[in-house]
Every structure is written in structure tokens, then in C-alpha cells.
Protein backbone atom coordinates (compact mmCIF):
# COMPACT_ATOMS: atom_id res chain seq x y z
CA UNK A 1 102.84 83.39 135.80
CA UNK A 2 99.47 83.30 135.20
CA UNK A 3 99.62 87.00 134.15
CA UNK A 4 101.63 85.74 131.27
CA UNK A 5 99.29 83.16 130.14
CA UNK A 6 96.67 85.75 130.04
CA UNK A 7 98.60 87.94 127.63
CA UNK A 8 99.61 85.23 125.49
CA UNK A 9 96.10 84.15 125.29
CA UNK A 10 95.18 87.86 124.30
CA UNK A 11 98.00 88.57 121.77
CA UNK A 12 96.60 85.18 119.81
CA UNK A 13 93.40 86.44 120.15
CA UNK A 14 93.85 89.77 118.78
CA UNK A 15 96.17 87.92 115.64
CA UNK A 16 93.30 85.69 115.08
CA UNK A 17 90.33 88.12 114.88
CA UNK A 18 92.50 91.24 113.14
CA UNK A 19 93.39 88.40 110.62
CA UNK A 20 89.56 87.69 109.84
CA UNK A 21 88.23 91.09 109.83
CA UNK A 22 87.67 92.57 106.77
CA UNK A 23 90.04 94.46 105.08
CA UNK A 24 87.63 97.15 103.07
CA UNK A 25 86.48 98.54 106.39
CA UNK A 26 85.99 102.29 105.47
CA UNK A 27 84.90 103.77 102.44
CA UNK A 28 88.10 106.01 102.18
CA UNK A 29 90.14 102.64 102.32
CA UNK A 30 87.64 100.68 99.43
CA UNK A 31 88.71 103.86 97.42
CA UNK A 32 92.45 103.56 98.12
CA UNK A 33 92.46 99.68 97.60
CA UNK A 34 90.77 100.57 94.13
CA UNK A 35 93.22 103.14 93.24
CA UNK A 36 96.01 100.93 94.09
CA UNK A 37 94.61 97.72 91.98
CA UNK A 38 93.73 100.12 89.25
CA UNK A 39 97.65 101.06 89.00
CA UNK A 40 98.75 97.36 89.78
CA UNK A 41 99.60 94.52 87.12
CA UNK A 42 97.15 91.34 86.62
CA UNK A 43 94.45 93.00 86.76
CA UNK A 44 91.47 91.11 86.14
CA UNK A 45 87.40 92.12 85.16
CA UNK A 46 86.32 89.68 87.80
CA UNK A 47 88.44 91.54 90.63
CA UNK A 48 87.58 94.93 89.78
CA UNK A 49 84.08 94.30 89.10
CA UNK A 50 83.91 92.79 92.79
CA UNK A 51 85.10 96.74 93.99
CA UNK A 52 82.36 98.89 91.98
CA UNK A 53 78.74 98.60 91.74
CA UNK A 54 76.02 100.60 89.69
CA UNK A 55 76.87 102.58 86.89
CA UNK A 56 80.43 101.55 87.34
CA UNK A 57 79.69 98.03 87.35
CA UNK A 58 77.66 97.78 84.23
CA UNK A 59 80.16 100.10 82.26
CA UNK A 60 83.07 97.89 82.57
CA UNK A 61 80.61 94.77 82.84
CA UNK A 62 80.19 95.70 79.38
CA UNK A 63 83.43 96.01 78.03
CA UNK A 64 84.60 93.72 75.41
CA UNK A 65 87.90 91.67 76.06
CA UNK A 66 89.79 94.67 73.87
CA UNK A 67 87.88 97.26 75.45
CA UNK A 68 88.97 95.83 79.15
CA UNK A 69 92.28 95.21 77.96
CA UNK A 70 93.06 98.75 76.96
CA UNK A 71 90.94 99.93 80.35
CA UNK A 72 93.43 98.43 82.45
CA UNK A 73 96.51 98.80 80.16
CA UNK A 74 98.83 100.69 83.16
CA UNK A 75 102.51 99.77 82.07
CA UNK A 76 103.22 102.77 80.70
CA UNK A 77 101.31 104.52 84.07
CA UNK A 78 103.39 105.06 86.98
CA UNK A 79 101.82 106.64 90.45
CA UNK A 80 102.70 109.12 92.36
CA UNK A 81 100.87 110.11 94.55
CA UNK A 82 96.98 109.48 96.23
CA UNK A 83 95.74 111.69 99.01
CA UNK A 84 91.97 111.74 100.04
CA UNK A 85 91.19 115.43 100.46
CA UNK A 86 87.71 115.40 102.05
CA UNK A 87 85.11 112.77 102.83
CA UNK A 88 81.35 113.64 103.07
CA UNK A 89 79.48 110.74 104.55
CA UNK A 90 75.52 110.12 105.49
CA UNK A 91 74.51 106.66 106.39
CA UNK A 92 75.67 103.73 103.69
CA UNK A 93 76.82 106.93 100.83
CA UNK A 94 79.99 108.34 101.12
CA UNK A 95 81.15 111.40 98.14
CA UNK A 96 84.94 111.41 98.52
CA UNK A 97 87.39 114.04 96.85
CA UNK A 98 90.64 113.41 96.27
CA UNK A 99 93.82 113.36 94.28
CA UNK A 100 95.80 111.74 92.32
CA UNK A 101 99.21 112.19 90.44
CA UNK A 102 101.05 109.86 87.99
CA UNK A 103 103.42 109.65 85.73
CA UNK A 104 103.49 108.62 81.80
CA UNK A 105 106.49 106.86 80.83
CA UNK A 106 108.04 105.65 77.46
CA UNK A 107 109.42 102.39 76.78
CA UNK A 108 112.88 103.31 78.50
CA UNK A 109 110.67 104.20 81.37
CA UNK A 110 111.66 107.93 80.83
CA UNK A 111 108.89 109.76 82.13
CA UNK A 112 107.26 112.01 79.57
CA UNK A 113 104.05 113.46 81.27
CA UNK A 114 103.08 114.26 84.75
CA UNK A 115 99.34 114.06 85.43
CA UNK A 116 97.29 115.36 88.41
CA UNK A 117 93.59 114.86 88.48
CA UNK A 118 91.00 115.79 91.40
CA UNK A 119 87.77 113.48 91.59
CA UNK A 120 85.03 112.69 93.32
CA UNK A 121 84.00 109.30 94.38
CA UNK A 122 80.56 108.19 95.27
CA UNK A 123 81.42 104.87 97.28
CA UNK A 124 78.36 103.11 98.77
CA UNK A 125 77.61 100.00 101.07
CA UNK A 126 76.42 97.24 99.51
CA UNK A 127 76.29 93.91 100.99
CA UNK A 128 78.32 94.88 104.32
CA UNK A 129 81.12 96.10 101.72
CA UNK A 130 82.18 99.74 100.07
CA UNK A 131 82.08 99.77 97.12
CA UNK A 132 82.53 102.36 94.28
CA UNK A 133 79.46 103.75 92.49
CA UNK A 134 80.71 106.44 90.53
CA UNK A 135 83.41 108.40 89.77
CA UNK A 136 83.44 112.24 88.53
CA UNK A 137 86.52 113.94 87.09
CA UNK A 138 86.69 117.60 88.30
CA UNK A 139 89.93 118.80 87.07
CA UNK A 140 93.05 117.72 85.37
CA UNK A 141 96.53 118.91 84.93
CA UNK A 142 98.92 117.46 82.48
CA UNK A 143 102.66 118.88 82.42
CA UNK A 144 104.84 117.73 79.55
CA UNK A 145 108.52 117.28 80.81
CA UNK A 146 109.33 117.62 77.02
CA UNK A 147 109.08 120.54 74.53
CA UNK A 148 105.68 120.58 72.58
CA UNK A 149 106.61 120.92 68.71
CA UNK A 150 103.85 123.01 67.65
CA UNK A 151 102.97 122.57 64.03
CA UNK A 152 100.57 124.23 61.62
């Protein structure tokens, strides 16, 4: 009987503490959360700025409303795959190489172009949270699913 009470109390404590734990506990998770948010609807400048720092923060902060609207427009883009390829960390700074694949779709939700990118994100720990400092493109590949029309 006493062991059942002990187990119940321990389970309750685990649930309480796991609910209060920071969601952004690793640099990989911070990057994944940022990418997921970028492909989600209803992005706000404030919510994006909470996940970034340094030059990326300044770039987004200085965007006009129209520029941010274009930056955050994802209604014609659908994420296919996100994969972390490598992570190199030292102290409170990480360089994470990742692969991202997404579709550009038309107004009928028909896939027009498949894009694959390979990027490196610099992620740093600032005020106890991992934030994206910079993202550098390594390689981009576009595959058109429709025949290309070449004209002179």
C-alpha cells in the first residue's frame, strides 16, 4: 500500500516537473522549433524574434510590415523533410548542418517545385535559451515537376 502511494507521488512529481521544464533544452531542438515555426501559419514578428539573436535578430527586427509579411508567407510552401546532419558544439555555441526539403504548391495545392537545401545554423545559448544567431546556405537544388518552357 505504501509503495503504491510512493509511486503515485513520484509520477505526479515527474509530470509536474516535466511540464515546467524548458521546451528548448538543446540547440538541435531550438533549430527544429524555429524551422517548424517558419513553416507554420500565424507567425508573428515577436514570436520569431524570441527564437533568434545577433545579425538575424537585427535583420528581422528592421523589416517593415510588408517585408515581414513576405518573409513569413508560407501558404504556398509545404515542408516535406527536416533532418539534422551534424552538430558541432563548444561551450555555448553550436554549428548545426541540416537538410530541409519542401514543396512549392499552386493555388490548387498541386506541387510545382520541390526544393532541397543544405544549410548551417549557428546556435548560441543566450540568457539560458538556445537561439539562432545566423543561417548560411550551402547548397540549393530545385526540381520542377512540370516541363520547363525555354524561349529566346
